[in-house]
Amino acid sequence: MAIFRVMYYSSITVGSGGRITIPQDMRDDLRIDDGDMLTVRLEEAEGGERQITVWKTQAEPTA
């Protein structure tokens, strides 16, 4: 199990239809390109606070 540390935070604005834009510097650091698959998870704390966690899905190795 990996232990992750926070590298930095960034603010984003929710746009039309709930769309969010990942800031360019984060896309660069994550090496996200058009067509990449991302996984998103919704988490809820006991107090009702909610957050989403997004990560880049690893590409399946080709045989």
PDB file of N, CA and C in Angstrom:
ATOM      1  N   MET A   1       0.835  -1.173   0.000  1.00  0.00           N
ATOM      2  CA  MET A   1       0.000   0.000   0.000  1.00  0.00           C
ATOM      3  C   MET A   1       0.884   1.242   0.000  1.00  0.00           C
ATOM      4  N   ALA A   2       0.608   2.140  -0.905  1.00  0.00           N
ATOM      5  CA  ALA A   2       1.405   3.356  -1.028  1.00  0.00           C
ATOM      6  C   ALA A   2       0.948   4.400  -0.020  1.00  0.00           C
ATOM      7  N   ILE A   3       1.882   5.177   0.467  1.00  0.00           N
ATOM      8  CA  ILE A   3       1.573   6.317   1.319  1.00  0.00           C
ATOM      9  C   ILE A   3       1.909   7.565   0.510  1.00  0.00           C
ATOM     10  N   PHE A   4       0.905   8.399   0.299  1.00  0.00           N
ATOM     11  CA  PHE A   4       1.090   9.593  -0.515  1.00  0.00           C
ATOM     12  C   PHE A   4       1.264  10.808   0.380  1.00  0.00           C
ATOM     13  N   ARG A   5       2.002  11.782  -0.102  1.00  0.00           N
ATOM     14  CA  ARG A   5       2.155  13.046   0.609  1.00  0.00           C
ATOM     15  C   ARG A   5       1.647  14.162  -0.296  1.00  0.00           C
ATOM     16  N   VAL A   6       1.155  15.212   0.297  1.00  0.00           N
ATOM     17  CA  VAL A   6       0.640  16.347  -0.462  1.00  0.00           C
ATOM     18  C   VAL A   6       1.823  17.098  -1.065  1.00  0.00           C
ATOM     19  N   MET A   7       1.769  17.312  -2.376  1.00  0.00           N
ATOM     20  CA  MET A   7       2.806  18.095  -3.047  1.00  0.00           C
ATOM     21  C   MET A   7       2.416  19.570  -3.081  1.00  0.00           C
ATOM     22  N   TYR A   8       1.175  19.864  -3.455  1.00  0.00           N
ATOM     23  CA  TYR A   8       0.661  21.229  -3.453  1.00  0.00           C
ATOM     24  C   TYR A   8      -0.849  21.209  -3.668  1.00  0.00           C
ATOM     25  N   TYR A   9      -1.470  22.333  -3.375  1.00  0.00           N
ATOM     26  CA  TYR A   9      -2.906  22.511  -3.584  1.00  0.00           C
ATOM     27  C   TYR A   9      -3.116  23.486  -4.720  1.00  0.00           C
ATOM     28  N   SER A  10      -4.285  23.443  -5.321  1.00  0.00           N
ATOM     29  CA  SER A  10      -4.665  24.409  -6.340  1.00  0.00           C
ATOM     30  C   SER A  10      -6.171  24.588  -6.270  1.00  0.00           C
ATOM     31  N   SER A  11      -6.644  25.787  -6.548  1.00  0.00           N
ATOM     32  CA  SER A  11      -8.080  26.055  -6.565  1.00  0.00           C
ATOM     33  C   SER A  11      -8.595  25.941  -7.986  1.00  0.00           C
ATOM     34  N   ILE A  12      -9.815  25.423  -8.112  1.00  0.00           N
ATOM     35  CA  ILE A  12     -10.449  25.318  -9.419  1.00  0.00           C
ATOM     36  C   ILE A  12     -11.872  25.842  -9.306  1.00  0.00           C
ATOM     37  N   THR A  13     -12.464  26.209 -10.433  1.00  0.00           N
ATOM     38  CA  THR A  13     -13.839  26.671 -10.493  1.00  0.00           C
ATOM     39  C   THR A  13     -14.667  25.621 -11.201  1.00  0.00           C
ATOM     40  N   VAL A  14     -15.849  25.344 -10.661  1.00  0.00           N
ATOM     41  CA  VAL A  14     -16.753  24.402 -11.308  1.00  0.00           C
ATOM     42  C   VAL A  14     -17.469  25.147 -12.426  1.00  0.00           C
ATOM     43  N   GLY A  15     -17.421  24.581 -13.628  1.00  0.00           N
ATOM     44  CA  GLY A  15     -18.014  25.223 -14.790  1.00  0.00           C
ATOM     45  C   GLY A  15     -19.350  24.624 -15.173  1.00  0.00           C
ATOM     46  N   SER A  16     -19.757  24.886 -16.371  1.00  0.00           N
ATOM     47  CA  SER A  16     -21.033  24.432 -16.910  1.00  0.00           C
ATOM     48  C   SER A  16     -21.157  22.921 -16.823  1.00  0.00           C
ATOM     49  N   GLY A  17     -22.299  22.456 -16.351  1.00  0.00           N
ATOM     50  CA  GLY A  17     -22.544  21.021 -16.271  1.00  0.00           C
ATOM     51  C   GLY A  17     -21.678  20.312 -15.233  1.00  0.00           C
ATOM     52  N   GLY A  18     -21.094  21.061 -14.274  1.00  0.00           N
ATOM     53  CA  GLY A  18     -20.263  20.447 -13.244  1.00  0.00           C
ATOM     54  C   GLY A  18     -18.855  20.139 -13.713  1.00  0.00           C
ATOM     55  N   ARG A  19     -18.469  20.664 -14.850  1.00  0.00           N
ATOM     56  CA  ARG A  19     -17.128  20.380 -15.372  1.00  0.00           C
ATOM     57  C   ARG A  19     -16.059  21.082 -14.536  1.00  0.00           C
ATOM     58  N   ILE A  20     -14.964  20.366 -14.315  1.00  0.00           N
ATOM     59  CA  ILE A  20     -13.809  20.956 -13.653  1.00  0.00           C
ATOM     60  C   ILE A  20     -12.612  20.829 -14.588  1.00  0.00           C
ATOM     61  N   THR A  21     -11.746  21.807 -14.510  1.00  0.00           N
ATOM     62  CA  THR A  21     -10.527  21.786 -15.307  1.00  0.00           C
ATOM     63  C   THR A  21      -9.357  21.568 -14.378  1.00  0.00           C
ATOM     64  N   ILE A  22      -8.570  20.537 -14.652  1.00  0.00           N
ATOM     65  CA  ILE A  22      -7.362  20.286 -13.871  1.00  0.00           C
ATOM     66  C   ILE A  22      -6.322  21.301 -14.333  1.00  0.00           C
ATOM     67  N   PRO A  23      -5.761  22.074 -13.400  1.00  0.00           N
ATOM     68  CA  PRO A  23      -4.781  23.095 -13.792  1.00  0.00           C
ATOM     69  C   PRO A  23      -3.622  22.488 -14.593  1.00  0.00           C
ATOM     70  N   GLN A  24      -3.124  23.272 -15.532  1.00  0.00           N
ATOM     71  CA  GLN A  24      -2.084  22.802 -16.445  1.00  0.00           C
ATOM     72  C   GLN A  24      -0.863  22.269 -15.709  1.00  0.00           C
ATOM     73  N   ASP A  25      -0.433  22.943 -14.633  1.00  0.00           N
ATOM     74  CA  ASP A  25       0.765  22.472 -13.929  1.00  0.00           C
ATOM     75  C   ASP A  25       0.539  21.083 -13.337  1.00  0.00           C
ATOM     76  N   MET A  26      -0.676  20.799 -12.849  1.00  0.00           N
ATOM     77  CA  MET A  26      -0.971  19.465 -12.331  1.00  0.00           C
ATOM     78  C   MET A  26      -1.023  18.444 -13.464  1.00  0.00           C
ATOM     79  N   ARG A  27      -1.619  18.817 -14.587  1.00  0.00           N
ATOM     80  CA  ARG A  27      -1.650  17.889 -15.737  1.00  0.00           C
ATOM     81  C   ARG A  27      -0.233  17.558 -16.185  1.00  0.00           C
ATOM     82  N   ASP A  28       0.631  18.555 -16.189  1.00  0.00           N
ATOM     83  CA  ASP A  28       2.028  18.319 -16.576  1.00  0.00           C
ATOM     84  C   ASP A  28       2.706  17.375 -15.582  1.00  0.00           C
ATOM     85  N   ASP A  29       2.526  17.632 -14.278  1.00  0.00           N
ATOM     86  CA  ASP A  29       3.165  16.798 -13.257  1.00  0.00           C
ATOM     87  C   ASP A  29       2.641  15.372 -13.286  1.00  0.00           C
ATOM     88  N   LEU A  30       1.356  15.196 -13.597  1.00  0.00           N
ATOM     89  CA  LEU A  30       0.763  13.854 -13.672  1.00  0.00           C
ATOM     90  C   LEU A  30       0.961  13.192 -15.029  1.00  0.00           C
ATOM     91  N   ARG A  31       1.496  13.943 -15.969  1.00  0.00           N
ATOM     92  CA  ARG A  31       1.683  13.464 -17.350  1.00  0.00           C
ATOM     93  C   ARG A  31       0.351  12.990 -17.943  1.00  0.00           C
ATOM     94  N   ILE A  32      -0.688  13.827 -17.759  1.00  0.00           N
ATOM     95  CA  ILE A  32      -2.016  13.531 -18.300  1.00  0.00           C
ATOM     96  C   ILE A  32      -2.100  14.080 -19.710  1.00  0.00           C
ATOM     97  N   ASP A  33      -2.503  13.230 -20.639  1.00  0.00           N
ATOM     98  CA  ASP A  33      -2.678  13.607 -22.037  1.00  0.00           C
ATOM     99  C   ASP A  33      -4.120  13.366 -22.452  1.00  0.00           C
ATOM    100  N   ASP A  34      -4.534  13.964 -23.563  1.00  0.00           N
ATOM    101  CA  ASP A  34      -5.870  13.733 -24.100  1.00  0.00           C
ATOM    102  C   ASP A  34      -6.117  12.237 -24.240  1.00  0.00           C
ATOM    103  N   GLY A  35      -7.285  11.799 -23.775  1.00  0.00           N
ATOM    104  CA  GLY A  35      -7.659  10.397 -23.905  1.00  0.00           C
ATOM    105  C   GLY A  35      -7.236   9.513 -22.749  1.00  0.00           C
ATOM    106  N   ASP A  36      -6.414  10.024 -21.819  1.00  0.00           N
ATOM    107  CA  ASP A  36      -6.017   9.228 -20.659  1.00  0.00           C
ATOM    108  C   ASP A  36      -7.234   8.944 -19.783  1.00  0.00           C
ATOM    109  N   MET A  37      -7.234   7.807 -19.105  1.00  0.00           N
ATOM    110  CA  MET A  37      -8.319   7.418 -18.212  1.00  0.00           C
ATOM    111  C   MET A  37      -7.963   7.825 -16.783  1.00  0.00           C
ATOM    112  N   LEU A  38      -8.909   8.493 -16.114  1.00  0.00           N
ATOM    113  CA  LEU A  38      -8.749   8.865 -14.712  1.00  0.00           C
ATOM    114  C   LEU A  38      -9.796   8.127 -13.897  1.00  0.00           C
ATOM    115  N   THR A  39      -9.463   7.803 -12.656  1.00  0.00           N
ATOM    116  CA  THR A  39     -10.398   7.185 -11.730  1.00  0.00           C
ATOM    117  C   THR A  39     -10.726   8.223 -10.666  1.00  0.00           C
ATOM    118  N   VAL A  40     -11.991   8.309 -10.283  1.00  0.00           N
ATOM    119  CA  VAL A  40     -12.408   9.262  -9.257  1.00  0.00           C
ATOM    120  C   VAL A  40     -13.163   8.508  -8.167  1.00  0.00           C
ATOM    121  N   ARG A  41     -12.913   8.899  -6.910  1.00  0.00           N
ATOM    122  CA  ARG A  41     -13.563   8.254  -5.778  1.00  0.00           C
ATOM    123  C   ARG A  41     -14.154   9.352  -4.890  1.00  0.00           C
ATOM    124  N   LEU A  42     -15.418   9.170  -4.475  1.00  0.00           N
ATOM    125  CA  LEU A  42     -16.067  10.086  -3.544  1.00  0.00           C
ATOM    126  C   LEU A  42     -15.948   9.497  -2.149  1.00  0.00           C
ATOM    127  N   GLU A  43     -15.441  10.299  -1.214  1.00  0.00           N
ATOM    128  CA  GLU A  43     -15.251   9.860   0.158  1.00  0.00           C
ATOM    129  C   GLU A  43     -16.069  10.751   1.085  1.00  0.00           C
ATOM    130  N   GLU A  44     -16.562  10.175   2.191  1.00  0.00           N
ATOM    131  CA  GLU A  44     -17.330  10.948   3.157  1.00  0.00           C
ATOM    132  C   GLU A  44     -16.796  10.682   4.563  1.00  0.00           C
ATOM    133  N   ALA A  45     -16.589  11.755   5.327  1.00  0.00           N
ATOM    134  CA  ALA A  45     -16.130  11.643   6.708  1.00  0.00           C
ATOM    135  C   ALA A  45     -17.338  11.463   7.629  1.00  0.00           C
ATOM    136  N   GLU A  46     -17.074  11.054   8.855  1.00  0.00           N
ATOM    137  CA  GLU A  46     -18.152  10.855   9.819  1.00  0.00           C
ATOM    138  C   GLU A  46     -18.968  12.122  10.042  1.00  0.00           C
ATOM    139  N   GLY A  47     -18.347  13.284   9.926  1.00  0.00           N
ATOM    140  CA  GLY A  47     -19.037  14.561  10.120  1.00  0.00           C
ATOM    141  C   GLY A  47     -19.822  15.026   8.906  1.00  0.00           C
ATOM    142  N   GLY A  48     -19.812  14.251   7.827  1.00  0.00           N
ATOM    143  CA  GLY A  48     -20.557  14.604   6.629  1.00  0.00           C
ATOM    144  C   GLY A  48     -19.753  15.331   5.567  1.00  0.00           C
ATOM    145  N   GLU A  49     -18.502  15.713   5.876  1.00  0.00           N
ATOM    146  CA  GLU A  49     -17.668  16.370   4.869  1.00  0.00           C
ATOM    147  C   GLU A  49     -17.387  15.373   3.748  1.00  0.00           C
ATOM    148  N   ARG A  50     -17.347  15.875   2.543  1.00  0.00           N
ATOM    149  CA  ARG A  50     -17.077  15.004   1.388  1.00  0.00           C
ATOM    150  C   ARG A  50     -15.907  15.550   0.581  1.00  0.00           C
ATOM    151  N   GLN A  51     -15.207  14.631  -0.052  1.00  0.00           N
ATOM    152  CA  GLN A  51     -14.105  15.003  -0.937  1.00  0.00           C
ATOM    153  C   GLN A  51     -14.011  13.992  -2.052  1.00  0.00           C
ATOM    154  N   ILE A  52     -13.393  14.429  -3.144  1.00  0.00           N
ATOM    155  CA  ILE A  52     -13.125  13.477  -4.222  1.00  0.00           C
ATOM    156  C   ILE A  52     -11.618  13.290  -4.326  1.00  0.00           C
ATOM    157  N   THR A  53     -11.240  12.109  -4.693  1.00  0.00           N
ATOM    158  CA  THR A  53      -9.847  11.779  -4.961  1.00  0.00           C
ATOM    159  C   THR A  53      -9.786  11.295  -6.400  1.00  0.00           C
ATOM    160  N   VAL A  54      -8.865  11.843  -7.160  1.00  0.00           N
ATOM    161  CA  VAL A  54      -8.726  11.491  -8.575  1.00  0.00           C
ATOM    162  C   VAL A  54      -7.312  10.989  -8.794  1.00  0.00           C
ATOM    163  N   TRP A  55      -7.170   9.907  -9.536  1.00  0.00           N
ATOM    164  CA  TRP A  55      -5.835   9.440  -9.884  1.00  0.00           C
ATOM    165  C   TRP A  55      -5.813   8.926 -11.313  1.00  0.00           C
ATOM    166  N   LYS A  56      -4.631   8.940 -11.864  1.00  0.00           N
ATOM    167  CA  LYS A  56      -4.433   8.473 -13.237  1.00  0.00           C
ATOM    168  C   LYS A  56      -4.348   6.969 -13.234  1.00  0.00           C
ATOM    169  N   THR A  57      -5.159   6.339 -14.072  1.00  0.00           N
ATOM    170  CA  THR A  57      -5.164   4.892 -14.207  1.00  0.00           C
ATOM    171  C   THR A  57      -3.927   4.467 -14.995  1.00  0.00           C
ATOM    172  N   GLN A  58      -3.273   3.461 -14.511  1.00  0.00           N
ATOM    173  CA  GLN A  58      -2.099   2.937 -15.218  1.00  0.00           C
ATOM    174  C   GLN A  58      -2.545   2.227 -16.498  1.00  0.00           C
ATOM    175  N   ALA A  59      -1.813   2.432 -17.549  1.00  0.00           N
ATOM    176  CA  ALA A  59      -2.129   1.773 -18.826  1.00  0.00           C
ATOM    177  C   ALA A  59      -1.895   0.292 -18.693  1.00  0.00           C
ATOM    178  N   GLU A  60      -2.771  -0.476 -19.305  1.00  0.00           N
ATOM    179  CA  GLU A  60      -2.616  -1.939 -19.325  1.00  0.00           C
ATOM    180  C   GLU A  60      -1.454  -2.302 -20.236  1.00  0.00           C
ATOM    181  N   PRO A  61      -0.572  -3.176 -19.796  1.00  0.00           N
ATOM    182  CA  PRO A  61       0.529  -3.598 -20.684  1.00  0.00           C
ATOM    183  C   PRO A  61      -0.023  -4.374 -21.880  1.00  0.00           C
ATOM    184  N   THR A  62       0.553  -4.121 -23.016  1.00  0.00           N
ATOM    185  CA  THR A  62       0.130  -4.843 -24.214  1.00  0.00           C
ATOM    186  C   THR A  62       0.971  -6.093 -24.374  1.00  0.00           C
ATOM    187  N   ALA A  63       0.316  -7.171 -24.779  1.00  0.00           N
ATOM    188  CA  ALA A  63       1.019  -8.459 -24.912  1.00  0.00           C
ATOM    189  C   ALA A  63       1.790  -8.533 -26.201  1.00  0.00           C
TER     190      ALA A  63
END
